[in-house]
Amino acid sequence: MLEGFIQGIETRALVPEEFDERLWVVAVEKVTVTTRGKLVFSFKDGTEIEG
């Protein structure tokens, strides 16, 4: 199942043009809202991005 998903990702454009729920579930562990109202995206590989 995962292998098929990876093959599907490899055939797509580099930047998705619309939301992809399967990609979200595979990549994102959690999103945290800070007390300042910022969003912190925590990815399953340990990367965090504040936006």
PDB file of N, CA and C in Angstrom:
ATOM      1  N   MET A   1       0.828  -1.195   0.000  1.00  0.00           N
ATOM      2  CA  MET A   1       0.000   0.000   0.000  1.00  0.00           C
ATOM      3  C   MET A   1       0.874   1.262   0.000  1.00  0.00           C
ATOM      4  N   LEU A   2       1.852   1.299   0.905  1.00  0.00           N
ATOM      5  CA  LEU A   2       2.747   2.452   0.982  1.00  0.00           C
ATOM      6  C   LEU A   2       3.563   2.587  -0.296  1.00  0.00           C
ATOM      7  N   GLU A   3       4.013   1.484  -0.838  1.00  0.00           N
ATOM      8  CA  GLU A   3       4.792   1.518  -2.073  1.00  0.00           C
ATOM      9  C   GLU A   3       3.976   2.124  -3.218  1.00  0.00           C
ATOM     10  N   GLY A   4       2.724   1.757  -3.321  1.00  0.00           N
ATOM     11  CA  GLY A   4       1.846   2.331  -4.340  1.00  0.00           C
ATOM     12  C   GLY A   4       1.653   3.822  -4.138  1.00  0.00           C
ATOM     13  N   PHE A   5       1.543   4.243  -2.882  1.00  0.00           N
ATOM     14  CA  PHE A   5       1.391   5.667  -2.575  1.00  0.00           C
ATOM     15  C   PHE A   5       2.643   6.433  -2.999  1.00  0.00           C
ATOM     16  N   ILE A   6       3.816   5.892  -2.693  1.00  0.00           N
ATOM     17  CA  ILE A   6       5.079   6.542  -3.049  1.00  0.00           C
ATOM     18  C   ILE A   6       5.196   6.663  -4.567  1.00  0.00           C
ATOM     19  N   GLN A   7       4.834   5.631  -5.286  1.00  0.00           N
ATOM     20  CA  GLN A   7       4.872   5.695  -6.747  1.00  0.00           C
ATOM     21  C   GLN A   7       3.926   6.763  -7.272  1.00  0.00           C
ATOM     22  N   GLY A   8       2.772   6.901  -6.650  1.00  0.00           N
ATOM     23  CA  GLY A   8       1.825   7.946  -7.044  1.00  0.00           C
ATOM     24  C   GLY A   8       2.382   9.329  -6.802  1.00  0.00           C
ATOM     25  N   ILE A   9       3.088   9.527  -5.683  1.00  0.00           N
ATOM     26  CA  ILE A   9       3.695  10.825  -5.364  1.00  0.00           C
ATOM     27  C   ILE A   9       4.787  11.158  -6.380  1.00  0.00           C
ATOM     28  N   GLU A  10       5.582  10.164  -6.753  1.00  0.00           N
ATOM     29  CA  GLU A  10       6.690  10.396  -7.677  1.00  0.00           C
ATOM     30  C   GLU A  10       6.222  10.832  -9.059  1.00  0.00           C
ATOM     31  N   THR A  11       5.012  10.495  -9.440  1.00  0.00           N
ATOM     32  CA  THR A  11       4.516  10.855 -10.767  1.00  0.00           C
ATOM     33  C   THR A  11       3.800  12.203 -10.781  1.00  0.00           C
ATOM     34  N   ARG A  12       3.652  12.834  -9.632  1.00  0.00           N
ATOM     35  CA  ARG A  12       2.934  14.110  -9.550  1.00  0.00           C
ATOM     36  C   ARG A  12       3.874  15.293  -9.706  1.00  0.00           C
ATOM     37  N   ALA A  13       3.261  16.460  -9.902  1.00  0.00           N
ATOM     38  CA  ALA A  13       4.026  17.705  -9.949  1.00  0.00           C
ATOM     39  C   ALA A  13       4.724  17.913  -8.614  1.00  0.00           C
ATOM     40  N   LEU A  14       5.828  18.643  -8.624  1.00  0.00           N
ATOM     41  CA  LEU A  14       6.622  18.845  -7.420  1.00  0.00           C
ATOM     42  C   LEU A  14       5.823  19.562  -6.327  1.00  0.00           C
ATOM     43  N   VAL A  15       4.998  20.523  -6.714  1.00  0.00           N
ATOM     44  CA  VAL A  15       4.183  21.259  -5.749  1.00  0.00           C
ATOM     45  C   VAL A  15       2.716  20.919  -5.997  1.00  0.00           C
ATOM     46  N   PRO A  16       2.052  20.317  -5.002  1.00  0.00           N
ATOM     47  CA  PRO A  16       0.631  19.970  -5.193  1.00  0.00           C
ATOM     48  C   PRO A  16      -0.207  21.226  -5.416  1.00  0.00           C
ATOM     49  N   GLU A  17      -1.161  21.134  -6.323  1.00  0.00           N
ATOM     50  CA  GLU A  17      -2.034  22.265  -6.620  1.00  0.00           C
ATOM     51  C   GLU A  17      -3.291  22.268  -5.758  1.00  0.00           C
ATOM     52  N   GLU A  18      -3.562  21.148  -5.091  1.00  0.00           N
ATOM     53  CA  GLU A  18      -4.713  21.076  -4.204  1.00  0.00           C
ATOM     54  C   GLU A  18      -4.369  20.177  -3.016  1.00  0.00           C
ATOM     55  N   PHE A  19      -5.154  20.288  -1.966  1.00  0.00           N
ATOM     56  CA  PHE A  19      -4.917  19.513  -0.751  1.00  0.00           C
ATOM     57  C   PHE A  19      -5.007  18.025  -1.043  1.00  0.00           C
ATOM     58  N   ASP A  20      -4.033  17.263  -0.534  1.00  0.00           N
ATOM     59  CA  ASP A  20      -4.020  15.815  -0.697  1.00  0.00           C
ATOM     60  C   ASP A  20      -4.037  15.185   0.694  1.00  0.00           C
ATOM     61  N   GLU A  21      -5.181  14.663   1.089  1.00  0.00           N
ATOM     62  CA  GLU A  21      -5.339  14.106   2.431  1.00  0.00           C
ATOM     63  C   GLU A  21      -4.379  12.950   2.696  1.00  0.00           C
ATOM     64  N   ARG A  22      -4.141  12.107   1.703  1.00  0.00           N
ATOM     65  CA  ARG A  22      -3.218  10.976   1.899  1.00  0.00           C
ATOM     66  C   ARG A  22      -1.801  11.465   2.169  1.00  0.00           C
ATOM     67  N   LEU A  23      -1.356  12.489   1.453  1.00  0.00           N
ATOM     68  CA  LEU A  23      -0.026  13.054   1.675  1.00  0.00           C
ATOM     69  C   LEU A  23       0.060  13.650   3.081  1.00  0.00           C
ATOM     70  N   TRP A  24      -0.980  14.354   3.503  1.00  0.00           N
ATOM     71  CA  TRP A  24      -1.030  14.954   4.842  1.00  0.00           C
ATOM     72  C   TRP A  24      -0.873  13.889   5.925  1.00  0.00           C
ATOM     73  N   VAL A  25      -1.638  12.809   5.818  1.00  0.00           N
ATOM     74  CA  VAL A  25      -1.630  11.739   6.822  1.00  0.00           C
ATOM     75  C   VAL A  25      -0.262  11.067   6.892  1.00  0.00           C
ATOM     76  N   VAL A  26       0.379  10.892   5.768  1.00  0.00           N
ATOM     77  CA  VAL A  26       1.680  10.234   5.732  1.00  0.00           C
ATOM     78  C   VAL A  26       2.787  11.134   6.257  1.00  0.00           C
ATOM     79  N   ALA A  27       2.701  12.443   6.022  1.00  0.00           N
ATOM     80  CA  ALA A  27       3.817  13.351   6.328  1.00  0.00           C
ATOM     81  C   ALA A  27       3.701  14.089   7.656  1.00  0.00           C
ATOM     82  N   VAL A  28       2.499  14.486   8.055  1.00  0.00           N
ATOM     83  CA  VAL A  28       2.333  15.375   9.201  1.00  0.00           C
ATOM     84  C   VAL A  28       1.946  14.585  10.449  1.00  0.00           C
ATOM     85  N   GLU A  29       2.703  14.811  11.533  1.00  0.00           N
ATOM     86  CA  GLU A  29       2.373  14.155  12.804  1.00  0.00           C
ATOM     87  C   GLU A  29       1.360  14.975  13.586  1.00  0.00           C
ATOM     88  N   LYS A  30       1.611  16.306  13.677  1.00  0.00           N
ATOM     89  CA  LYS A  30       0.660  17.163  14.395  1.00  0.00           C
ATOM     90  C   LYS A  30       0.882  18.615  14.002  1.00  0.00           C
ATOM     91  N   VAL A  31      -0.135  19.433  14.285  1.00  0.00           N
ATOM     92  CA  VAL A  31      -0.054  20.880  14.118  1.00  0.00           C
ATOM     93  C   VAL A  31      -0.419  21.494  15.460  1.00  0.00           C
ATOM     94  N   THR A  32       0.441  22.388  15.958  1.00  0.00           N
ATOM     95  CA  THR A  32       0.225  23.022  17.252  1.00  0.00           C
ATOM     96  C   THR A  32      -0.003  24.512  17.041  1.00  0.00           C
ATOM     97  N   VAL A  33      -0.983  25.079  17.733  1.00  0.00           N
ATOM     98  CA  VAL A  33      -1.215  26.518  17.710  1.00  0.00           C
ATOM     99  C   VAL A  33      -0.567  27.096  18.958  1.00  0.00           C
ATOM    100  N   THR A  34       0.374  28.042  18.767  1.00  0.00           N
ATOM    101  CA  THR A  34       1.070  28.650  19.899  1.00  0.00           C
ATOM    102  C   THR A  34       0.191  29.718  20.545  1.00  0.00           C
ATOM    103  N   THR A  35       0.631  30.213  21.692  1.00  0.00           N
ATOM    104  CA  THR A  35      -0.125  31.260  22.388  1.00  0.00           C
ATOM    105  C   THR A  35      -0.126  32.567  21.595  1.00  0.00           C
ATOM    106  N   ARG A  36       0.818  32.708  20.663  1.00  0.00           N
ATOM    107  CA  ARG A  36       0.865  33.893  19.792  1.00  0.00           C
ATOM    108  C   ARG A  36       0.032  33.716  18.530  1.00  0.00           C
ATOM    109  N   GLY A  37      -0.629  32.569  18.404  1.00  0.00           N
ATOM    110  CA  GLY A  37      -1.480  32.316  17.244  1.00  0.00           C
ATOM    111  C   GLY A  37      -0.738  31.768  16.038  1.00  0.00           C
ATOM    112  N   LYS A  38       0.517  31.414  16.202  1.00  0.00           N
ATOM    113  CA  LYS A  38       1.294  30.824  15.111  1.00  0.00           C
ATOM    114  C   LYS A  38       1.016  29.321  15.045  1.00  0.00           C
ATOM    115  N   LEU A  39       1.204  28.752  13.869  1.00  0.00           N
ATOM    116  CA  LEU A  39       1.051  27.312  13.687  1.00  0.00           C
ATOM    117  C   LEU A  39       2.431  26.676  13.610  1.00  0.00           C
ATOM    118  N   VAL A  40       2.611  25.566  14.310  1.00  0.00           N
ATOM    119  CA  VAL A  40       3.851  24.793  14.234  1.00  0.00           C
ATOM    120  C   VAL A  40       3.494  23.427  13.669  1.00  0.00           C
ATOM    121  N   PHE A  41       4.029  23.134  12.472  1.00  0.00           N
ATOM    122  CA  PHE A  41       3.794  21.860  11.815  1.00  0.00           C
ATOM    123  C   PHE A  41       4.920  20.907  12.192  1.00  0.00           C
ATOM    124  N   SER A  42       4.571  19.787  12.790  1.00  0.00           N
ATOM    125  CA  SER A  42       5.546  18.759  13.169  1.00  0.00           C
ATOM    126  C   SER A  42       5.376  17.575  12.222  1.00  0.00           C
ATOM    127  N   PHE A  43       6.451  17.281  11.485  1.00  0.00           N
ATOM    128  CA  PHE A  43       6.411  16.202  10.509  1.00  0.00           C
ATOM    129  C   PHE A  43       6.936  14.912  11.120  1.00  0.00           C
ATOM    130  N   LYS A  44       6.585  13.809  10.527  1.00  0.00           N
ATOM    131  CA  LYS A  44       6.944  12.499  11.064  1.00  0.00           C
ATOM    132  C   LYS A  44       8.440  12.237  11.026  1.00  0.00           C
ATOM    133  N   ASP A  45       9.187  13.019  10.245  1.00  0.00           N
ATOM    134  CA  ASP A  45      10.646  12.852  10.213  1.00  0.00           C
ATOM    135  C   ASP A  45      11.346  13.702  11.270  1.00  0.00           C
ATOM    136  N   GLY A  46      10.557  14.404  12.111  1.00  0.00           N
ATOM    137  CA  GLY A  46      11.123  15.225  13.169  1.00  0.00           C
ATOM    138  C   GLY A  46      11.273  16.696  12.822  1.00  0.00           C
ATOM    139  N   THR A  47      11.070  17.068  11.580  1.00  0.00           N
ATOM    140  CA  THR A  47      11.158  18.458  11.148  1.00  0.00           C
ATOM    141  C   THR A  47       9.986  19.255  11.697  1.00  0.00           C
ATOM    142  N   GLU A  48      10.253  20.486  12.125  1.00  0.00           N
ATOM    143  CA  GLU A  48       9.190  21.400  12.566  1.00  0.00           C
ATOM    144  C   GLU A  48       9.319  22.703  11.802  1.00  0.00           C
ATOM    145  N   ILE A  49       8.173  23.222  11.365  1.00  0.00           N
ATOM    146  CA  ILE A  49       8.125  24.484  10.636  1.00  0.00           C
ATOM    147  C   ILE A  49       7.076  25.366  11.294  1.00  0.00           C
ATOM    148  N   GLU A  50       7.461  26.596  11.638  1.00  0.00           N
ATOM    149  CA  GLU A  50       6.517  27.551  12.230  1.00  0.00           C
ATOM    150  C   GLU A  50       6.052  28.494  11.141  1.00  0.00           C
ATOM    151  N   GLY A  51       4.745  28.681  11.089  1.00  0.00           N
ATOM    152  CA  GLY A  51       4.217  29.556  10.037  1.00  0.00           C
ATOM    153  C   GLY A  51       3.173  30.499  10.544  1.00  0.00           C
TER     154      GLY A  51
END
